[in-house]
Amino acid sequence: MVIKYNWVCNQCQHVNMSGTDSCVKCGCSAYANPDEILARKDPEEFKFKELKKYIESKAVFFLIAPGFIILFFYNGQALYFTLWLVSLNN
């Protein structure tokens, strides 16, 4: 898809002529989303941002899982769980 008007690159602010779909100065796509622009401008910050998203997604599990374990034992299932563990050892 070719752009039919002059456009400004979101990464380097270079004015590009119509008919191009990537910047002639830096090579950034005219359709680049903010994450792609950040990855090209500052790769280290982009990696840090992606790592932060990953850790936050995993942290939710580790914060909620203990609550479910406590709820499991609180509901009287501790006896069944203990018997199951004992049966595994025999």
PDB file of N, CA and C in Angstrom:
ATOM      1  N   MET A   1       0.850  -1.176   0.000  1.00  0.00           N
ATOM      2  CA  MET A   1       0.000   0.000   0.000  1.00  0.00           C
ATOM      3  C   MET A   1       0.898   1.242   0.000  1.00  0.00           C
ATOM      4  N   VAL A   2       0.746   2.055  -0.986  1.00  0.00           N
ATOM      5  CA  VAL A   2       1.576   3.240  -1.152  1.00  0.00           C
ATOM      6  C   VAL A   2       0.832   4.464  -0.612  1.00  0.00           C
ATOM      7  N   ILE A   3       1.552   5.274   0.138  1.00  0.00           N
ATOM      8  CA  ILE A   3       0.972   6.499   0.689  1.00  0.00           C
ATOM      9  C   ILE A   3       0.942   7.558  -0.412  1.00  0.00           C
ATOM     10  N   LYS A   4      -0.173   8.235  -0.560  1.00  0.00           N
ATOM     11  CA  LYS A   4      -0.362   9.186  -1.659  1.00  0.00           C
ATOM     12  C   LYS A   4      -0.199  10.640  -1.214  1.00  0.00           C
ATOM     13  N   TYR A   5       0.513  10.851  -0.119  1.00  0.00           N
ATOM     14  CA  TYR A   5       0.734  12.212   0.367  1.00  0.00           C
ATOM     15  C   TYR A   5       2.088  12.252   1.066  1.00  0.00           C
ATOM     16  N   ASN A   6       2.642  13.451   1.213  1.00  0.00           N
ATOM     17  CA  ASN A   6       3.893  13.590   1.955  1.00  0.00           C
ATOM     18  C   ASN A   6       3.619  13.302   3.425  1.00  0.00           C
ATOM     19  N   TRP A   7       4.558  12.627   4.080  1.00  0.00           N
ATOM     20  CA  TRP A   7       4.350  12.251   5.472  1.00  0.00           C
ATOM     21  C   TRP A   7       5.637  12.438   6.264  1.00  0.00           C
ATOM     22  N   VAL A   8       5.482  12.597   7.577  1.00  0.00           N
ATOM     23  CA  VAL A   8       6.618  12.808   8.482  1.00  0.00           C
ATOM     24  C   VAL A   8       6.895  11.513   9.229  1.00  0.00           C
ATOM     25  N   CYS A   9       8.140  11.117   9.227  1.00  0.00           N
ATOM     26  CA  CYS A   9       8.549   9.903   9.938  1.00  0.00           C
ATOM     27  C   CYS A   9       8.385  10.112  11.439  1.00  0.00           C
ATOM     28  N   ASN A  10       7.792   9.134  12.111  1.00  0.00           N
ATOM     29  CA  ASN A  10       7.582   9.239  13.558  1.00  0.00           C
ATOM     30  C   ASN A  10       8.857   9.030  14.357  1.00  0.00           C
ATOM     31  N   GLN A  11       9.878   8.470  13.729  1.00  0.00           N
ATOM     32  CA  GLN A  11      11.118   8.221  14.456  1.00  0.00           C
ATOM     33  C   GLN A  11      12.098   9.389  14.327  1.00  0.00           C
ATOM     34  N   CYS A  12      12.373   9.821  13.100  1.00  0.00           N
ATOM     35  CA  CYS A  12      13.408  10.841  12.907  1.00  0.00           C
ATOM     36  C   CYS A  12      12.864  12.199  12.463  1.00  0.00           C
ATOM     37  N   GLN A  13      11.556  12.308  12.262  1.00  0.00           N
ATOM     38  CA  GLN A  13      10.873  13.544  11.875  1.00  0.00           C
ATOM     39  C   GLN A  13      11.271  14.033  10.481  1.00  0.00           C
ATOM     40  N   HIS A  14      11.783  13.153   9.639  1.00  0.00           N
ATOM     41  CA  HIS A  14      12.128  13.501   8.263  1.00  0.00           C
ATOM     42  C   HIS A  14      10.854  13.532   7.419  1.00  0.00           C
ATOM     43  N   VAL A  15      10.735  14.537   6.545  1.00  0.00           N
ATOM     44  CA  VAL A  15       9.573  14.634   5.660  1.00  0.00           C
ATOM     45  C   VAL A  15       9.850  13.768   4.431  1.00  0.00           C
ATOM     46  N   ASN A  16       8.985  12.796   4.206  1.00  0.00           N
ATOM     47  CA  ASN A  16       9.127  11.866   3.086  1.00  0.00           C
ATOM     48  C   ASN A  16       8.107  12.197   2.015  1.00  0.00           C
ATOM     49  N   MET A  17       8.479  11.954   0.790  1.00  0.00           N
ATOM     50  CA  MET A  17       7.617  12.240  -0.349  1.00  0.00           C
ATOM     51  C   MET A  17       6.554  11.158  -0.488  1.00  0.00           C
ATOM     52  N   SER A  18       5.497  11.488  -1.164  1.00  0.00           N
ATOM     53  CA  SER A  18       4.446  10.499  -1.410  1.00  0.00           C
ATOM     54  C   SER A  18       5.017   9.379  -2.274  1.00  0.00           C
ATOM     55  N   GLY A  19       4.403   8.213  -2.137  1.00  0.00           N
ATOM     56  CA  GLY A  19       4.846   7.059  -2.915  1.00  0.00           C
ATOM     57  C   GLY A  19       5.842   6.182  -2.186  1.00  0.00           C
ATOM     58  N   THR A  20       6.275   6.599  -1.014  1.00  0.00           N
ATOM     59  CA  THR A  20       7.193   5.761  -0.230  1.00  0.00           C
ATOM     60  C   THR A  20       6.471   5.265   1.011  1.00  0.00           C
ATOM     61  N   ASP A  21       6.759   4.038   1.397  1.00  0.00           N
ATOM     62  CA  ASP A  21       6.133   3.519   2.611  1.00  0.00           C
ATOM     63  C   ASP A  21       7.142   3.277   3.722  1.00  0.00           C
ATOM     64  N   SER A  22       8.402   3.687   3.490  1.00  0.00           N
ATOM     65  CA  SER A  22       9.397   3.667   4.557  1.00  0.00           C
ATOM     66  C   SER A  22      10.254   4.921   4.433  1.00  0.00           C
ATOM     67  N   CYS A  23      10.763   5.379   5.545  1.00  0.00           N
ATOM     68  CA  CYS A  23      11.535   6.616   5.588  1.00  0.00           C
ATOM     69  C   CYS A  23      12.834   6.449   4.801  1.00  0.00           C
ATOM     70  N   VAL A  24      13.171   7.450   3.987  1.00  0.00           N
ATOM     71  CA  VAL A  24      14.392   7.386   3.199  1.00  0.00           C
ATOM     72  C   VAL A  24      15.625   7.679   4.055  1.00  0.00           C
ATOM     73  N   LYS A  25      15.430   8.305   5.220  1.00  0.00           N
ATOM     74  CA  LYS A  25      16.557   8.648   6.085  1.00  0.00           C
ATOM     75  C   LYS A  25      16.901   7.520   7.060  1.00  0.00           C
ATOM     76  N   CYS A  26      15.893   6.984   7.769  1.00  0.00           N
ATOM     77  CA  CYS A  26      16.175   5.982   8.808  1.00  0.00           C
ATOM     78  C   CYS A  26      15.635   4.588   8.481  1.00  0.00           C
ATOM     79  N   GLY A  27      14.756   4.483   7.496  1.00  0.00           N
ATOM     80  CA  GLY A  27      14.223   3.180   7.106  1.00  0.00           C
ATOM     81  C   GLY A  27      13.013   2.716   7.896  1.00  0.00           C
ATOM     82  N   CYS A  28      12.527   3.543   8.791  1.00  0.00           N
ATOM     83  CA  CYS A  28      11.360   3.183   9.597  1.00  0.00           C
ATOM     84  C   CYS A  28      10.108   3.142   8.718  1.00  0.00           C
ATOM     85  N   SER A  29       9.254   2.174   8.977  1.00  0.00           N
ATOM     86  CA  SER A  29       8.022   2.033   8.198  1.00  0.00           C
ATOM     87  C   SER A  29       7.061   3.174   8.498  1.00  0.00           C
ATOM     88  N   ALA A  30       6.316   3.566   7.495  1.00  0.00           N
ATOM     89  CA  ALA A  30       5.303   4.608   7.679  1.00  0.00           C
ATOM     90  C   ALA A  30       4.173   4.120   8.565  1.00  0.00           C
ATOM     91  N   TYR A  31       4.029   2.808   8.669  1.00  0.00           N
ATOM     92  CA  TYR A  31       2.945   2.205   9.443  1.00  0.00           C
ATOM     93  C   TYR A  31       3.440   1.661  10.785  1.00  0.00           C
ATOM     94  N   ALA A  32       4.622   2.061  11.219  1.00  0.00           N
ATOM     95  CA  ALA A  32       5.204   1.536  12.458  1.00  0.00           C
ATOM     96  C   ALA A  32       4.373   1.947  13.669  1.00  0.00           C
ATOM     97  N   ASN A  33       4.172   0.975  14.564  1.00  0.00           N
ATOM     98  CA  ASN A  33       3.463   1.287  15.805  1.00  0.00           C
ATOM     99  C   ASN A  33       4.474   1.803  16.834  1.00  0.00           C
ATOM    100  N   PRO A  34       4.022   2.321  17.966  1.00  0.00           N
ATOM    101  CA  PRO A  34       4.943   2.889  18.955  1.00  0.00           C
ATOM    102  C   PRO A  34       6.010   1.906  19.452  1.00  0.00           C
ATOM    103  N   ASP A  35       5.670   0.637  19.575  1.00  0.00           N
ATOM    104  CA  ASP A  35       6.669  -0.335  20.024  1.00  0.00           C
ATOM    105  C   ASP A  35       7.769  -0.528  18.991  1.00  0.00           C
ATOM    106  N   GLU A  36       7.407  -0.556  17.724  1.00  0.00           N
ATOM    107  CA  GLU A  36       8.412  -0.698  16.665  1.00  0.00           C
ATOM    108  C   GLU A  36       9.324   0.524  16.607  1.00  0.00           C
ATOM    109  N   ILE A  37       8.755   1.698  16.801  1.00  0.00           N
ATOM    110  CA  ILE A  37       9.552   2.922  16.802  1.00  0.00           C
ATOM    111  C   ILE A  37      10.514   2.923  17.979  1.00  0.00           C
ATOM    112  N   LEU A  38      10.036   2.530  19.163  1.00  0.00           N
ATOM    113  CA  LEU A  38      10.896   2.468  20.340  1.00  0.00           C
ATOM    114  C   LEU A  38      12.002   1.430  20.153  1.00  0.00           C
ATOM    115  N   ALA A  39      11.687   0.301  19.529  1.00  0.00           N
ATOM    116  CA  ALA A  39      12.687  -0.741  19.293  1.00  0.00           C
ATOM    117  C   ALA A  39      13.797  -0.236  18.383  1.00  0.00           C
ATOM    118  N   ARG A  40      13.468   0.631  17.454  1.00  0.00           N
ATOM    119  CA  ARG A  40      14.482   1.177  16.556  1.00  0.00           C
ATOM    120  C   ARG A  40      15.257   2.324  17.206  1.00  0.00           C
ATOM    121  N   LYS A  41      14.563   3.166  17.976  1.00  0.00           N
ATOM    122  CA  LYS A  41      15.228   4.308  18.610  1.00  0.00           C
ATOM    123  C   LYS A  41      16.149   3.881  19.742  1.00  0.00           C
ATOM    124  N   ASP A  42      15.622   3.060  20.640  1.00  0.00           N
ATOM    125  CA  ASP A  42      16.369   2.667  21.836  1.00  0.00           C
ATOM    126  C   ASP A  42      16.129   1.186  22.128  1.00  0.00           C
ATOM    127  N   PRO A  43      16.920   0.300  21.530  1.00  0.00           N
ATOM    128  CA  PRO A  43      16.694  -1.143  21.710  1.00  0.00           C
ATOM    129  C   PRO A  43      16.770  -1.599  23.165  1.00  0.00           C
ATOM    130  N   GLU A  44      17.648  -1.000  23.953  1.00  0.00           N
ATOM    131  CA  GLU A  44      17.772  -1.398  25.358  1.00  0.00           C
ATOM    132  C   GLU A  44      16.508  -1.066  26.145  1.00  0.00           C
ATOM    133  N   GLU A  45      15.952   0.116  25.923  1.00  0.00           N
ATOM    134  CA  GLU A  45      14.717   0.494  26.614  1.00  0.00           C
ATOM    135  C   GLU A  45      13.561  -0.412  26.184  1.00  0.00           C
ATOM    136  N   PHE A  46      13.531  -0.768  24.886  1.00  0.00           N
ATOM    137  CA  PHE A  46      12.488  -1.657  24.381  1.00  0.00           C
ATOM    138  C   PHE A  46      12.598  -3.025  25.046  1.00  0.00           C
ATOM    139  N   LYS A  47      13.817  -3.560  25.171  1.00  0.00           N
ATOM    140  CA  LYS A  47      14.013  -4.861  25.832  1.00  0.00           C
ATOM    141  C   LYS A  47      13.581  -4.796  27.291  1.00  0.00           C
ATOM    142  N   PHE A  48      13.912  -3.688  27.966  1.00  0.00           N
ATOM    143  CA  PHE A  48      13.522  -3.511  29.362  1.00  0.00           C
ATOM    144  C   PHE A  48      12.002  -3.465  29.496  1.00  0.00           C
ATOM    145  N   LYS A  49      11.344  -2.761  28.564  1.00  0.00           N
ATOM    146  CA  LYS A  49       9.885  -2.650  28.596  1.00  0.00           C
ATOM    147  C   LYS A  49       9.233  -4.018  28.386  1.00  0.00           C
ATOM    148  N   GLU A  50       9.748  -4.805  27.448  1.00  0.00           N
ATOM    149  CA  GLU A  50       9.206  -6.137  27.191  1.00  0.00           C
ATOM    150  C   GLU A  50       9.434  -7.062  28.391  1.00  0.00           C
ATOM    151  N   LEU A  51      10.622  -6.971  29.020  1.00  0.00           N
ATOM    152  CA  LEU A  51      10.915  -7.772  30.205  1.00  0.00           C
ATOM    153  C   LEU A  51       9.984  -7.399  31.349  1.00  0.00           C
ATOM    154  N   LYS A  52       9.725  -6.112  31.509  1.00  0.00           N
ATOM    155  CA  LYS A  52       8.824  -5.645  32.561  1.00  0.00           C
ATOM    156  C   LYS A  52       7.416  -6.201  32.354  1.00  0.00           C
ATOM    157  N   LYS A  53       6.933  -6.193  31.093  1.00  0.00           N
ATOM    158  CA  LYS A  53       5.612  -6.760  30.797  1.00  0.00           C
ATOM    159  C   LYS A  53       5.573  -8.244  31.134  1.00  0.00           C
ATOM    160  N   TYR A  54       6.641  -8.962  30.788  1.00  0.00           N
ATOM    161  CA  TYR A  54       6.708 -10.400  31.048  1.00  0.00           C
ATOM    162  C   TYR A  54       6.679 -10.686  32.551  1.00  0.00           C
ATOM    163  N   ILE A  55       7.479  -9.948  33.309  1.00  0.00           N
ATOM    164  CA  ILE A  55       7.534 -10.152  34.761  1.00  0.00           C
ATOM    165  C   ILE A  55       6.196  -9.822  35.408  1.00  0.00           C
ATOM    166  N   GLU A  56       5.557  -8.750  34.962  1.00  0.00           N
ATOM    167  CA  GLU A  56       4.259  -8.391  35.523  1.00  0.00           C
ATOM    168  C   GLU A  56       3.215  -9.459  35.242  1.00  0.00           C
ATOM    169  N   SER A  57       3.276 -10.068  34.075  1.00  0.00           N
ATOM    170  CA  SER A  57       2.298 -11.116  33.756  1.00  0.00           C
ATOM    171  C   SER A  57       2.522 -12.357  34.615  1.00  0.00           C
ATOM    172  N   LYS A  58       3.778 -12.665  34.927  1.00  0.00           N
ATOM    173  CA  LYS A  58       4.073 -13.828  35.769  1.00  0.00           C
ATOM    174  C   LYS A  58       3.846 -13.525  37.246  1.00  0.00           C
ATOM    175  N   ALA A  59       4.042 -12.284  37.659  1.00  0.00           N
ATOM    176  CA  ALA A  59       3.889 -11.913  39.062  1.00  0.00           C
ATOM    177  C   ALA A  59       2.449 -12.094  39.516  1.00  0.00           C
ATOM    178  N   VAL A  60       1.506 -11.863  38.637  1.00  0.00           N
ATOM    179  CA  VAL A  60       0.096 -12.025  38.987  1.00  0.00           C
ATOM    180  C   VAL A  60      -0.158 -13.456  39.436  1.00  0.00           C
ATOM    181  N   PHE A  61       0.403 -14.415  38.712  1.00  0.00           N
ATOM    182  CA  PHE A  61       0.222 -15.821  39.078  1.00  0.00           C
ATOM    183  C   PHE A  61       0.793 -16.094  40.466  1.00  0.00           C
ATOM    184  N   PHE A  62       2.018 -15.624  40.731  1.00  0.00           N
ATOM    185  CA  PHE A  62       2.660 -15.906  42.006  1.00  0.00           C
ATOM    186  C   PHE A  62       2.015 -15.155  43.169  1.00  0.00           C
ATOM    187  N   LEU A  63       1.303 -14.097  42.893  1.00  0.00           N
ATOM    188  CA  LEU A  63       0.600 -13.389  43.950  1.00  0.00           C
ATOM    189  C   LEU A  63      -0.759 -14.023  44.249  1.00  0.00           C
ATOM    190  N   ILE A  64      -1.390 -14.610  43.237  1.00  0.00           N
ATOM    191  CA  ILE A  64      -2.719 -15.186  43.414  1.00  0.00           C
ATOM    192  C   ILE A  64      -2.663 -16.651  43.836  1.00  0.00           C
ATOM    193  N   ALA A  65      -1.670 -17.398  43.370  1.00  0.00           N
ATOM    194  CA  ALA A  65      -1.587 -18.835  43.643  1.00  0.00           C
ATOM    195  C   ALA A  65      -1.595 -19.172  45.140  1.00  0.00           C
ATOM    196  N   PRO A  66      -0.845 -18.472  45.992  1.00  0.00           N
ATOM    197  CA  PRO A  66      -0.909 -18.808  47.418  1.00  0.00           C
ATOM    198  C   PRO A  66      -2.312 -18.669  48.008  1.00  0.00           C
ATOM    199  N   GLY A  67      -3.070 -17.714  47.538  1.00  0.00           N
ATOM    200  CA  GLY A  67      -4.445 -17.557  48.012  1.00  0.00           C
ATOM    201  C   GLY A  67      -5.299 -18.760  47.668  1.00  0.00           C
ATOM    202  N   PHE A  68      -5.119 -19.305  46.472  1.00  0.00           N
ATOM    203  CA  PHE A  68      -5.872 -20.490  46.082  1.00  0.00           C
ATOM    204  C   PHE A  68      -5.448 -21.708  46.899  1.00  0.00           C
ATOM    205  N   ILE A  69      -4.168 -21.811  47.203  1.00  0.00           N
ATOM    206  CA  ILE A  69      -3.689 -22.933  48.026  1.00  0.00           C
ATOM    207  C   ILE A  69      -4.287 -22.858  49.420  1.00  0.00           C
ATOM    208  N   ILE A  70      -4.293 -21.667  50.000  1.00  0.00           N
ATOM    209  CA  ILE A  70      -4.878 -21.489  51.332  1.00  0.00           C
ATOM    210  C   ILE A  70      -6.367 -21.803  51.296  1.00  0.00           C
ATOM    211  N   LEU A  71      -7.064 -21.340  50.274  1.00  0.00           N
ATOM    212  CA  LEU A  71      -8.484 -21.614  50.136  1.00  0.00           C
ATOM    213  C   LEU A  71      -8.737 -23.112  49.997  1.00  0.00           C
ATOM    214  N   PHE A  72      -7.885 -23.797  49.255  1.00  0.00           N
ATOM    215  CA  PHE A  72      -8.004 -25.242  49.071  1.00  0.00           C
ATOM    216  C   PHE A  72      -7.912 -25.957  50.419  1.00  0.00           C
ATOM    217  N   PHE A  73      -6.928 -25.602  51.230  1.00  0.00           N
ATOM    218  CA  PHE A  73      -6.762 -26.244  52.527  1.00  0.00           C
ATOM    219  C   PHE A  73      -7.847 -25.819  53.513  1.00  0.00           C
ATOM    220  N   TYR A  74      -8.290 -24.593  53.418  1.00  0.00           N
ATOM    221  CA  TYR A  74      -9.301 -24.089  54.333  1.00  0.00           C
ATOM    222  C   TYR A  74     -10.643 -24.796  54.133  1.00  0.00           C
ATOM    223  N   ASN A  75     -10.936 -25.199  52.933  1.00  0.00           N
ATOM    224  CA  ASN A  75     -12.214 -25.837  52.631  1.00  0.00           C
ATOM    225  C   ASN A  75     -12.254 -27.312  53.021  1.00  0.00           C
ATOM    226  N   GLY A  76     -11.309 -27.773  53.813  1.00  0.00           N
ATOM    227  CA  GLY A  76     -11.340 -29.146  54.290  1.00  0.00           C
ATOM    228  C   GLY A  76     -10.705 -30.148  53.364  1.00  0.00           C
ATOM    229  N   GLN A  77     -10.046 -29.676  52.349  1.00  0.00           N
ATOM    230  CA  GLN A  77      -9.413 -30.579  51.404  1.00  0.00           C
ATOM    231  C   GLN A  77      -8.024 -31.008  51.868  1.00  0.00           C
ATOM    232  N   ALA A  78      -7.544 -30.462  52.972  1.00  0.00           N
ATOM    233  CA  ALA A  78      -6.202 -30.780  53.448  1.00  0.00           C
ATOM    234  C   ALA A  78      -6.069 -32.264  53.761  1.00  0.00           C
ATOM    235  N   LEU A  79      -7.096 -32.871  54.328  1.00  0.00           N
ATOM    236  CA  LEU A  79      -7.049 -34.286  54.658  1.00  0.00           C
ATOM    237  C   LEU A  79      -6.911 -35.130  53.395  1.00  0.00           C
ATOM    238  N   TYR A  80      -7.698 -34.832  52.371  1.00  0.00           N
ATOM    239  CA  TYR A  80      -7.619 -35.581  51.121  1.00  0.00           C
ATOM    240  C   TYR A  80      -6.256 -35.406  50.467  1.00  0.00           C
ATOM    241  N   PHE A  81      -5.731 -34.200  50.519  1.00  0.00           N
ATOM    242  CA  PHE A  81      -4.419 -33.927  49.931  1.00  0.00           C
ATOM    243  C   PHE A  81      -3.331 -34.687  50.669  1.00  0.00           C
ATOM    244  N   THR A  82      -3.397 -34.720  51.984  1.00  0.00           N
ATOM    245  CA  THR A  82      -2.409 -35.443  52.788  1.00  0.00           C
ATOM    246  C   THR A  82      -2.478 -36.940  52.508  1.00  0.00           C
ATOM    247  N   LEU A  83      -3.684 -37.494  52.436  1.00  0.00           N
ATOM    248  CA  LEU A  83      -3.834 -38.923  52.132  1.00  0.00           C
ATOM    249  C   LEU A  83      -3.299 -39.240  50.742  1.00  0.00           C
ATOM    250  N   TRP A  84      -3.502 -38.338  49.823  1.00  0.00           N
ATOM    251  CA  TRP A  84      -3.000 -38.549  48.474  1.00  0.00           C
ATOM    252  C   TRP A  84      -1.474 -38.555  48.462  1.00  0.00           C
ATOM    253  N   LEU A  85      -0.862 -37.617  49.217  1.00  0.00           N
ATOM    254  CA  LEU A  85       0.598 -37.582  49.295  1.00  0.00           C
ATOM    255  C   LEU A  85       1.148 -38.847  49.935  1.00  0.00           C
ATOM    256  N   VAL A  86       0.490 -39.313  50.988  1.00  0.00           N
ATOM    257  CA  VAL A  86       0.929 -40.539  51.667  1.00  0.00           C
ATOM    258  C   VAL A  86       0.822 -41.729  50.724  1.00  0.00           C
ATOM    259  N   SER A  87      -0.237 -41.788  49.935  1.00  0.00           N
ATOM    260  CA  SER A  87      -0.414 -42.907  49.007  1.00  0.00           C
ATOM    261  C   SER A  87       0.650 -42.890  47.908  1.00  0.00           C
ATOM    262  N   LEU A  88       1.161 -41.731  47.559  1.00  0.00           N
ATOM    263  CA  LEU A  88       2.222 -41.651  46.564  1.00  0.00           C
ATOM    264  C   LEU A  88       3.546 -42.205  47.090  1.00  0.00           C
ATOM    265  N   ASN A  89       3.776 -42.027  48.380  1.00  0.00           N
ATOM    266  CA  ASN A  89       5.033 -42.491  48.983  1.00  0.00           C
ATOM    267  C   ASN A  89       5.038 -43.999  49.203  1.00  0.00           C
ATOM    268  N   ASN A  90       3.899 -44.635  49.187  1.00  0.00           N
ATOM    269  CA  ASN A  90       3.839 -46.092  49.428  1.00  0.00           C
ATOM    270  C   ASN A  90       3.956 -46.869  48.167  1.00  0.00           C
TER     271      ASN A  90
END
